[in-house]
Amino acid sequence: MQARAKLSPELRRRFQSGRSALDFVHTGGEGELAAWEIVHNADDIRRWLSVVLELAEPADLTATAADLPALRKLRAAITHAAYGLAAGDPVRPADIAVINAAAAEPPLIPALSPDGALTFVAPTARAALSTLARDAIDLFSGPLANRIRVCAADNCGLLFVDASRPGRRRWCSMERCGNLAKVRKYRDS
């Protein structure tokens, strides 16, 4: 068990979707998403899941190359479901089955460390995937399902949860796409 680590500003900026399940989508995928793939082997699984779980050391998480197919299958299902919901479409039954199967695995077991920090008992990649699937179920079945958005920037396409009060957020991040869009609009006027 390890205490939660403080993430560097670069890693914090990398994940701004508002939900771990959507951050998972942004790790790559099939087809045109393959250009963004960041999970190629067991070390990548440990490193990425450790960032999401805020583990002090990636080595604290057990992962093997055998976890890659399950990771990719779950990521594809969450990707299809999230982009579908953002477009107003229902989640496909095949994606529901994959997400439910992953969520049925034992999840991460949280624990309180002596210093009061959150830790996890013997974290594994399978347990982390179960936890991500459960986050997707919570998101897709809850009140925020209709707040899943695709960034409005022409060259972005990242998913995020619009938690703004009016529900009119358009960009994945104001610092990135929102600012660039406003600068373009200003220059064009």
Protein backbone atom coordinates (compact mmCIF):
# COMPACT_ATOMS: atom_id res chain seq x y z
CA MET A 1 0.00 0.00 0.00
CA GLN A 2 1.20 3.47 -0.81
CA ALA A 3 -0.05 6.93 0.03
CA ARG A 4 -1.45 9.06 -2.76
CA ALA A 5 1.25 10.93 -4.62
CA LYS A 6 1.10 14.55 -5.63
CA LEU A 7 0.78 14.67 -9.40
CA SER A 8 2.97 16.93 -11.45
CA PRO A 9 1.23 19.83 -13.23
CA GLU A 10 1.89 18.13 -16.58
CA LEU A 11 0.09 14.96 -15.50
CA ARG A 12 -2.79 16.94 -13.99
CA ARG A 13 -3.29 18.77 -17.31
CA ARG A 14 -3.28 15.47 -19.21
CA PHE A 15 -6.50 14.29 -17.53
CA GLN A 16 -9.21 16.94 -17.47
CA SER A 17 -12.32 15.03 -18.47
CA GLY A 18 -13.88 15.05 -15.01
CA ARG A 19 -14.15 11.23 -14.77
CA SER A 20 -11.60 8.44 -14.67
CA ALA A 21 -13.59 6.37 -17.19
CA LEU A 22 -13.33 9.19 -19.75
CA ASP A 23 -9.64 9.70 -18.99
CA PHE A 24 -9.27 6.01 -19.83
CA VAL A 25 -10.77 6.66 -23.28
CA HIS A 26 -8.03 9.21 -23.94
CA THR A 27 -5.24 6.61 -23.73
CA GLY A 28 -5.60 5.56 -27.37
CA GLY A 29 -7.61 2.93 -29.16
CA GLU A 30 -8.27 1.41 -32.55
CA GLY A 31 -8.32 3.06 -35.97
CA GLU A 32 -7.55 6.78 -35.91
CA LEU A 33 -7.24 6.66 -32.10
CA ALA A 34 -4.20 4.36 -32.47
CA ALA A 35 -2.06 7.46 -33.11
CA TRP A 36 -2.69 8.46 -29.47
CA GLU A 37 -1.97 5.04 -27.94
CA ILE A 38 0.02 5.29 -24.70
CA VAL A 39 -0.58 1.79 -23.30
CA HIS A 40 1.65 -0.69 -25.15
CA ASN A 41 2.88 -3.06 -22.42
CA ALA A 42 2.63 -3.97 -18.74
CA ASP A 43 4.87 -1.07 -17.69
CA ASP A 44 2.54 1.36 -19.49
CA ILE A 45 -0.47 -0.20 -17.76
CA ARG A 46 1.20 0.26 -14.37
CA ARG A 47 2.30 3.81 -15.15
CA TRP A 48 -1.08 5.03 -16.46
CA LEU A 49 -3.23 3.33 -13.83
CA SER A 50 -0.87 4.60 -11.13
CA VAL A 51 -1.45 8.17 -12.35
CA VAL A 52 -5.22 7.70 -12.28
CA LEU A 53 -5.12 5.99 -8.89
CA GLU A 54 -2.50 8.44 -7.63
CA LEU A 55 -0.19 5.69 -6.42
CA ALA A 56 3.24 6.91 -5.31
CA GLU A 57 5.02 4.22 -7.33
CA PRO A 58 3.81 2.45 -10.50
CA ALA A 59 5.52 -0.71 -9.21
CA ASP A 60 2.86 -0.88 -6.46
CA LEU A 61 0.33 -2.01 -9.07
CA THR A 62 0.53 -5.56 -10.41
CA ALA A 63 0.07 -5.76 -14.19
CA THR A 64 1.18 -8.15 -16.92
CA ALA A 65 1.01 -8.28 -20.70
CA ALA A 66 -1.99 -10.61 -20.25
CA ASP A 67 -3.95 -7.58 -18.96
CA LEU A 68 -3.64 -5.71 -22.28
CA PRO A 69 -6.50 -7.46 -24.14
CA ALA A 70 -8.92 -6.85 -21.25
CA LEU A 71 -7.79 -3.22 -21.04
CA ARG A 72 -8.28 -2.64 -24.76
CA LYS A 73 -11.67 -4.37 -24.83
CA LEU A 74 -12.99 -2.33 -21.90
CA ARG A 75 -11.54 0.90 -23.29
CA ALA A 76 -13.22 0.30 -26.67
CA ALA A 77 -16.59 -0.34 -24.99
CA ILE A 78 -16.34 2.78 -22.83
CA THR A 79 -15.20 4.80 -25.87
CA HIS A 80 -18.18 3.70 -27.99
CA ALA A 81 -20.60 4.27 -25.13
CA ALA A 82 -19.28 7.73 -24.21
CA TYR A 83 -19.14 9.10 -27.75
CA GLY A 84 -22.58 7.60 -28.39
CA LEU A 85 -24.04 9.25 -25.30
CA ALA A 86 -22.41 12.56 -26.26
CA ALA A 87 -24.21 12.29 -29.61
CA GLY A 88 -27.51 11.44 -27.91
CA ASP A 89 -27.44 7.75 -28.82
CA PRO A 90 -28.11 4.89 -26.37
CA VAL A 91 -25.30 2.60 -25.25
CA ARG A 92 -25.00 -0.47 -27.48
CA PRO A 93 -25.83 -3.84 -25.86
CA ALA A 94 -22.40 -5.26 -26.77
CA ASP A 95 -20.68 -2.38 -24.95
CA ILE A 96 -22.97 -2.79 -21.95
CA ALA A 97 -21.99 -6.47 -21.74
CA VAL A 98 -18.25 -5.70 -21.80
CA ILE A 99 -18.54 -2.93 -19.19
CA ASN A 100 -20.72 -5.08 -16.92
CA ALA A 101 -18.35 -8.06 -17.21
CA ALA A 102 -15.37 -5.90 -16.21
CA ALA A 103 -17.33 -4.35 -13.32
CA ALA A 104 -18.22 -7.85 -12.05
CA GLU A 105 -14.53 -8.49 -11.25
CA PRO A 106 -13.36 -7.59 -7.73
CA PRO A 107 -12.58 -3.83 -7.63
CA LEU A 108 -9.74 -1.99 -5.94
CA ILE A 109 -9.94 -2.19 -2.18
CA PRO A 110 -9.39 1.22 -0.59
CA ALA A 111 -7.73 1.50 2.80
CA LEU A 112 -6.82 4.24 5.21
CA SER A 113 -3.11 4.55 5.96
CA PRO A 114 -1.78 5.52 9.41
CA ASP A 115 -1.18 9.08 8.15
CA GLY A 116 -4.81 9.37 6.99
CA ALA A 117 -4.12 9.03 3.26
CA LEU A 118 -6.03 6.83 0.85
CA THR A 119 -4.21 3.66 -0.17
CA PHE A 120 -5.21 0.48 -1.97
CA VAL A 121 -4.71 -3.09 -0.79
CA ALA A 122 -2.58 -5.02 -3.29
CA PRO A 123 -3.74 -3.11 -6.40
CA THR A 124 -3.89 -5.11 -9.63
CA ALA A 125 -4.64 -4.07 -13.19
CA ARG A 126 -7.79 -6.24 -13.23
CA ALA A 127 -9.08 -4.59 -10.06
CA ALA A 128 -8.30 -1.15 -11.52
CA LEU A 129 -10.19 -2.04 -14.71
CA SER A 130 -13.14 -3.17 -12.60
CA THR A 131 -13.03 0.15 -10.77
CA LEU A 132 -12.93 2.05 -14.09
CA ALA A 133 -15.88 0.00 -15.39
CA ARG A 134 -17.83 0.82 -12.23
CA ASP A 135 -17.04 4.51 -12.74
CA ALA A 136 -18.36 4.21 -16.31
CA ILE A 137 -21.56 2.55 -15.07
CA ASP A 138 -22.04 5.29 -12.50
CA LEU A 139 -21.46 7.98 -15.13
CA PHE A 140 -23.54 6.42 -17.92
CA SER A 141 -26.49 5.59 -15.66
CA GLY A 142 -26.49 8.76 -13.57
CA PRO A 143 -27.53 12.37 -13.99
CA LEU A 144 -24.25 13.31 -15.67
CA ALA A 145 -24.83 10.96 -18.62
CA ASN A 146 -26.45 13.79 -20.56
CA ARG A 147 -23.54 16.07 -19.63
CA ILE A 148 -20.89 14.06 -21.53
CA ARG A 149 -19.53 16.34 -24.23
CA VAL A 150 -17.03 16.24 -27.08
CA CYS A 151 -14.72 19.25 -27.22
CA ALA A 152 -16.02 21.78 -29.77
CA ALA A 153 -12.54 22.57 -31.12
CA ASP A 154 -12.15 21.40 -34.72
CA ASN A 155 -8.85 19.66 -34.00
CA CYS A 156 -9.56 18.11 -30.58
CA GLY A 157 -12.41 15.65 -29.98
CA LEU A 158 -11.63 14.90 -26.32
CA LEU A 159 -14.50 13.87 -24.07
CA PHE A 160 -15.34 15.65 -20.83
CA VAL A 161 -18.14 15.92 -18.29
CA ASP A 162 -19.79 19.33 -18.33
CA ALA A 163 -20.21 20.06 -14.64
CA SER A 164 -20.88 23.77 -15.19
CA ARG A 165 -24.07 25.11 -13.67
CA PRO A 166 -25.69 26.15 -16.97
CA GLY A 167 -24.42 23.06 -18.80
CA ARG A 168 -22.99 24.98 -21.74
CA ARG A 169 -19.28 24.19 -21.50
CA ARG A 170 -17.86 23.69 -24.99
CA TRP A 171 -14.18 22.91 -24.63
CA CYS A 172 -12.17 20.22 -22.90
CA SER A 173 -10.14 22.94 -21.25
CA MET A 174 -10.24 26.72 -21.33
CA GLU A 175 -6.43 26.84 -21.17
CA ARG A 176 -6.12 24.70 -24.27
CA CYS A 177 -8.96 24.62 -26.78
CA GLY A 178 -11.15 27.38 -25.35
CA ASN A 179 -8.39 29.97 -25.40
CA LEU A 180 -7.32 29.01 -28.93
CA ALA A 181 -10.91 29.28 -30.17
CA LYS A 182 -11.34 32.71 -28.60
CA VAL A 183 -8.06 33.94 -30.09
CA ARG A 184 -9.11 32.66 -33.54
CA LYS A 185 -12.51 34.35 -33.21
CA TYR A 186 -10.87 37.62 -32.16
CA ARG A 187 -8.40 37.51 -35.08
CA ASP A 188 -11.20 36.75 -37.56
CA SER A 189 -13.28 39.73 -36.42
